[in-house]
Every structure is written in structure tokens, then in C-alpha cells.
Amino acid sequence: MRITRHGHSCLLVETPRARVLLDPGTFSRGFEELEGLDAVLVTHQHPDHVDVEKLPQLLESDDRTALHAEPQAAAGLRGAGIDAAALHAGSSIVVGDLTVEAVGGEHALIHADVPRVGNVGLLLRAEGEPTLFHPGDTYAVAPPGVDVLALPLSAPWAASKEMIDFVRAVRPGAGFAIHDALLSPIGLGLYASQAANLGGLQLRPLEHGVPADF
């Protein structure tokens, strides 16, 4: 499995028969120039995970690219004139040799005064490839059998103690940081050291736009 980060929570995932983009949001860059995508997957409706202005350009570059999004996000996209299929928690889709399972269903709590929205974590599996988990914006779901974890490091909804317990619960063999656009280099290093020293997961650094094989 080849993974390329395009900033924040946006990942290009490639297997021998699939090319899938996850969470192309407003804090990410360069994804709108990608071509030959089989699918675009969106975990939830927040702008840092789905850029409604750039998404049409991405989809128009290839008519075969399918868009699947958490149900509330899909409804919002359709309201903006962008055709999107709803990806419900507990359901799965097949994209080439990839099986994508949606898990969870709810975004983490930001504050009691902020309404919670839907969120689906994404489990990506292919025969002969590691299983990748992109949780979107929650630490609530820790599915078994995760080989590679895309770990949200910092967010308005997150605390270090929750991040550490999440890593311990998932127990992946490998991982890398996502949801880190708000962090300075000092903050990134601090959170990464917590994931390693307290969570037991040494995060692999992924450079922007540079493919990494897992």
C-alpha cells in the first residue's frame, strides 16, 4: 500500500488496482491536481475534511471518480450541487481491490454548546496489503486488526490523554500523524513523543506529497 499525505487529514491511498483520496479539505493542498482517482471518500462535513470549492475541479478531471461521504456530509454536498453517495456506518464499498468499511458514526464532542455531526472512520483493506485506519474526527472507535493508523494528533475535540489511550486501544503495527495543521513543529514533536513514549507507537514522518510504502 502506498500512501501520500497532502496535508492535515488528506491522504492518497494506492494499491495495485485502486487509487483513492481521503478527506480533501481546506487545510490540505495539491490534491486538486490529482488525476486517475477511482474514488474520493469523506469522513465528515467539516471544511478541513472536505473543500467544497476545490472538490468539483477534482471530480471533473475524471468522470469515473466516485464520491462517497458520511450521510450528513453527502447531503450537504448534494445541496451544493455535488453528487455524493452516502456512506453509512456499518456499511462497506469495494473500490478496485480495496474494501472500505465505514465505522463509528459520530464526531467527537467539541463542547456541549456545539452540535455533534456524523463521522465515519474508514478501514481500508486489500489482499496482501496492510489494513489502514483513518478515524476521521474521533477516538471512540478502535477496530481490531489495524496494521497502519492515521493518527489525529491535535484538534479542538482532542486531549493528549485521549490520543494516548486511543493508540493503546488500536495497537497498530505502524502509524503516522494526521490532523496536525494547527501544530507548530515544536507541538508536533511533543505530541509525537507522547504517542511513542506513552502510546507505544513510533510515528513515521511523511513528507507532503512524497509517497510512502507500507
Protein backbone atom coordinates (compact mmCIF):
# COMPACT_ATOMS: atom_id res chain seq x y z
CA MET A 1 0.00 0.00 0.00
CA ARG A 2 1.32 3.41 -0.98
CA ILE A 3 0.20 6.47 1.00
CA THR A 4 0.81 10.11 0.12
CA ARG A 5 -0.12 12.91 2.50
CA HIS A 6 -1.49 16.15 1.09
CA GLY A 7 -1.65 17.95 4.42
CA HIS A 8 -3.82 17.71 7.54
CA SER A 9 -6.12 14.68 7.10
CA CYS A 10 -5.92 14.28 3.32
CA LEU A 11 -4.41 11.00 2.08
CA LEU A 12 -3.94 9.45 -1.33
CA VAL A 13 -4.05 5.66 -0.91
CA GLU A 14 -2.87 3.42 -3.74
CA THR A 15 -2.93 -0.34 -4.18
CA PRO A 16 -2.27 -2.35 -7.36
CA ARG A 17 -5.89 -1.83 -8.51
CA ALA A 18 -7.16 1.23 -6.64
CA ARG A 19 -6.38 4.90 -6.25
CA VAL A 20 -8.45 6.55 -3.53
CA LEU A 21 -8.36 10.02 -1.94
CA LEU A 22 -9.47 10.56 1.67
CA ASP A 23 -10.68 13.85 3.22
CA PRO A 24 -9.58 16.54 0.76
CA GLY A 25 -10.17 19.56 2.99
CA THR A 26 -9.38 23.27 3.16
CA PHE A 27 -6.25 22.77 5.26
CA SER A 28 -4.79 20.48 2.57
CA ARG A 29 -3.17 21.37 -0.72
CA GLY A 30 -2.23 19.81 -4.04
CA PHE A 31 -4.95 17.17 -4.06
CA GLU A 32 -6.99 19.09 -6.67
CA GLU A 33 -4.27 18.38 -9.22
CA LEU A 34 -4.54 14.60 -8.86
CA GLU A 35 -5.84 12.50 -11.75
CA GLY A 36 -6.96 8.92 -12.26
CA LEU A 37 -8.79 8.59 -8.96
CA ASP A 38 -11.20 5.71 -8.54
CA ALA A 39 -12.93 7.26 -5.52
CA VAL A 40 -12.95 10.17 -3.09
CA LEU A 41 -14.02 9.37 0.48
CA VAL A 42 -15.11 11.93 3.10
CA THR A 43 -15.34 11.12 6.81
CA HIS A 44 -17.49 14.12 7.78
CA GLN A 45 -18.76 17.53 6.77
CA HIS A 46 -16.28 19.93 8.41
CA PRO A 47 -14.38 22.10 5.88
CA ASP A 48 -10.94 20.91 6.97
CA HIS A 49 -12.02 17.48 5.69
CA VAL A 50 -13.95 18.45 2.57
CA ASP A 51 -13.22 21.51 0.44
CA VAL A 52 -16.48 22.20 -1.38
CA GLU A 53 -14.85 24.77 -3.68
CA LYS A 54 -11.97 22.58 -4.90
CA LEU A 55 -13.84 19.27 -4.96
CA PRO A 56 -15.67 19.90 -8.27
CA GLN A 57 -12.37 20.54 -10.07
CA LEU A 58 -11.05 17.25 -8.76
CA LEU A 59 -14.14 15.27 -9.80
CA GLU A 60 -14.43 16.90 -13.22
CA SER A 61 -10.94 15.73 -14.16
CA ASP A 62 -12.21 12.14 -14.43
CA ASP A 63 -15.86 11.13 -14.93
CA ARG A 64 -15.30 7.73 -13.37
CA THR A 65 -14.27 9.07 -9.96
CA ALA A 66 -16.94 8.15 -7.38
CA LEU A 67 -17.61 10.31 -4.32
CA HIS A 68 -18.70 8.62 -1.07
CA ALA A 69 -19.28 10.60 2.11
CA GLU A 70 -20.70 10.26 5.61
CA PRO A 71 -24.50 10.67 5.19
CA GLN A 72 -24.78 14.22 6.57
CA ALA A 73 -21.76 15.27 4.55
CA ALA A 74 -23.22 13.65 1.44
CA ALA A 75 -26.48 15.55 1.92
CA GLY A 76 -24.58 18.83 2.26
CA LEU A 77 -22.56 18.10 -0.86
CA ARG A 78 -25.68 17.34 -2.87
CA GLY A 79 -27.14 20.60 -1.62
CA ALA A 80 -24.08 22.33 -3.07
CA GLY A 81 -24.67 20.62 -6.41
CA ILE A 82 -22.04 17.89 -5.97
CA ASP A 83 -23.30 14.33 -6.42
CA ALA A 84 -22.25 12.16 -3.47
CA ALA A 85 -23.29 8.71 -2.29
CA ALA A 86 -23.96 8.27 1.43
CA LEU A 87 -21.50 6.04 3.27
CA HIS A 88 -23.26 4.78 6.39
CA ALA A 89 -21.52 3.43 9.48
CA GLY A 90 -21.53 -0.36 9.33
CA SER A 91 -21.58 -0.44 5.54
CA SER A 92 -18.78 -1.18 3.11
CA ILE A 93 -17.91 -0.48 -0.51
CA VAL A 94 -15.47 -2.06 -2.93
CA VAL A 95 -13.10 0.09 -4.97
CA GLY A 96 -10.88 -1.99 -7.24
CA ASP A 97 -9.05 -4.39 -4.92
CA LEU A 98 -9.85 -2.26 -1.85
CA THR A 99 -12.69 -2.94 0.57
CA VAL A 100 -13.61 0.17 2.52
CA GLU A 101 -15.60 -0.28 5.73
CA ALA A 102 -17.21 2.69 7.49
CA VAL A 103 -17.19 2.53 11.29
CA GLY A 104 -18.35 4.70 14.18
CA GLY A 105 -20.94 7.25 13.19
CA GLU A 106 -20.42 10.32 15.39
CA HIS A 107 -17.90 13.15 15.57
CA ALA A 108 -16.07 13.65 18.85
CA LEU A 109 -17.51 16.20 21.26
CA ILE A 110 -16.00 19.68 20.85
CA HIS A 111 -18.17 21.36 23.50
CA ALA A 112 -21.66 20.89 24.89
CA ASP A 113 -22.74 24.04 23.02
CA VAL A 114 -21.51 22.72 19.66
CA PRO A 115 -23.89 20.28 17.93
CA ARG A 116 -22.25 16.97 17.10
CA VAL A 117 -22.25 15.84 13.48
CA GLY A 118 -21.83 12.46 11.84
CA ASN A 119 -18.39 10.95 11.31
CA VAL A 120 -17.33 7.64 9.81
CA GLY A 121 -13.91 6.15 10.32
CA LEU A 122 -12.54 4.36 7.27
CA LEU A 123 -10.95 0.92 7.30
CA LEU A 124 -9.20 0.12 4.02
CA ARG A 125 -8.26 -3.48 3.26
CA ALA A 126 -6.85 -5.29 0.23
CA GLU A 127 -5.50 -8.78 -0.14
CA GLY A 128 -1.77 -8.84 0.50
CA GLU A 129 -1.80 -5.27 1.82
CA PRO A 130 -1.80 -3.83 5.36
CA THR A 131 -5.09 -2.62 6.82
CA LEU A 132 -5.23 1.18 7.11
CA PHE A 133 -7.49 3.02 9.57
CA HIS A 134 -8.38 6.69 9.12
CA PRO A 135 -10.71 7.54 12.04
CA GLY A 136 -11.82 10.98 10.87
CA ASP A 137 -12.51 13.11 13.94
CA THR A 138 -12.96 10.70 16.81
CA TYR A 139 -11.03 8.44 19.16
CA ALA A 140 -14.16 6.50 20.13
CA VAL A 141 -13.74 3.53 17.77
CA ALA A 142 -10.77 1.18 17.92
CA PRO A 143 -11.38 -1.63 15.41
CA PRO A 144 -9.29 -4.80 15.59
CA GLY A 145 -6.72 -5.80 13.02
CA VAL A 146 -5.34 -2.34 12.17
CA ASP A 147 -1.83 -2.50 10.73
CA VAL A 148 -1.37 1.20 9.91
CA LEU A 149 -3.02 4.00 11.87
CA ALA A 150 -3.53 7.52 10.55
CA LEU A 151 -3.43 9.18 13.95
CA PRO A 152 -5.14 12.54 14.59
CA LEU A 153 -2.62 14.33 16.79
CA SER A 154 -4.36 17.53 17.83
CA ALA A 155 -7.80 19.12 17.50
CA PRO A 156 -10.35 21.27 19.35
CA TRP A 157 -12.09 18.00 20.26
CA ALA A 158 -8.95 16.16 21.41
CA ALA A 159 -6.82 15.80 24.53
CA SER A 160 -3.45 14.09 24.89
CA LYS A 161 -4.79 11.54 27.34
CA GLU A 162 -7.46 10.50 24.83
CA MET A 163 -4.98 10.30 21.97
CA ILE A 164 -2.66 8.09 24.02
CA ASP A 165 -5.46 5.76 25.11
CA PHE A 166 -6.67 5.56 21.51
CA VAL A 167 -3.24 4.42 20.32
CA ARG A 168 -3.11 1.84 23.10
CA ALA A 169 -6.58 0.56 22.17
CA VAL A 170 -5.89 0.26 18.42
CA ARG A 171 -2.40 -1.22 18.87
CA PRO A 172 -1.29 -0.75 15.25
CA GLY A 173 1.98 -2.03 13.91
CA ALA A 174 2.77 1.32 12.28
CA GLY A 175 1.35 4.80 12.07
CA PHE A 176 1.76 8.40 11.03
CA ALA A 177 0.30 11.74 12.04
CA ILE A 178 -2.76 13.42 10.56
CA HIS A 179 -4.94 16.31 11.73
CA ASP A 180 -1.86 18.33 12.60
CA ALA A 181 -2.34 21.55 10.64
CA LEU A 182 -2.78 23.56 13.84
CA LEU A 183 0.54 22.41 15.32
CA SER A 184 3.88 24.17 15.23
CA PRO A 185 6.98 22.00 14.72
CA ILE A 186 7.50 22.10 18.49
CA GLY A 187 3.94 20.96 19.13
CA LEU A 188 4.19 18.23 16.52
CA GLY A 189 7.30 16.86 18.18
CA LEU A 190 5.66 16.95 21.61
CA TYR A 191 2.58 15.03 20.52
CA ALA A 192 4.66 12.55 18.54
CA SER A 193 6.80 11.88 21.62
CA GLN A 194 3.65 11.25 23.67
CA ALA A 195 2.40 8.77 21.07
CA ALA A 196 5.74 6.98 21.22
CA ASN A 197 6.60 7.12 24.91
CA LEU A 198 3.10 6.66 26.34
CA GLY A 199 1.19 5.07 23.48
CA GLY A 200 3.94 2.78 22.24
CA LEU A 201 3.66 3.96 18.62
CA GLN A 202 6.64 5.49 16.83
CA LEU A 203 5.09 7.70 14.19
CA ARG A 204 6.60 7.53 10.73
CA PRO A 205 7.21 11.03 9.29
CA LEU A 206 5.52 11.50 5.93
CA GLU A 207 6.62 14.47 3.83
CA HIS A 208 3.96 16.42 1.99
CA GLY A 209 3.34 14.96 -1.45
CA VAL A 210 6.00 12.26 -1.12
CA PRO A 211 4.70 8.66 -1.47
CA ALA A 212 5.48 6.20 1.32
CA ASP A 213 5.13 2.43 1.02
CA PHE A 214 3.69 0.33 3.87
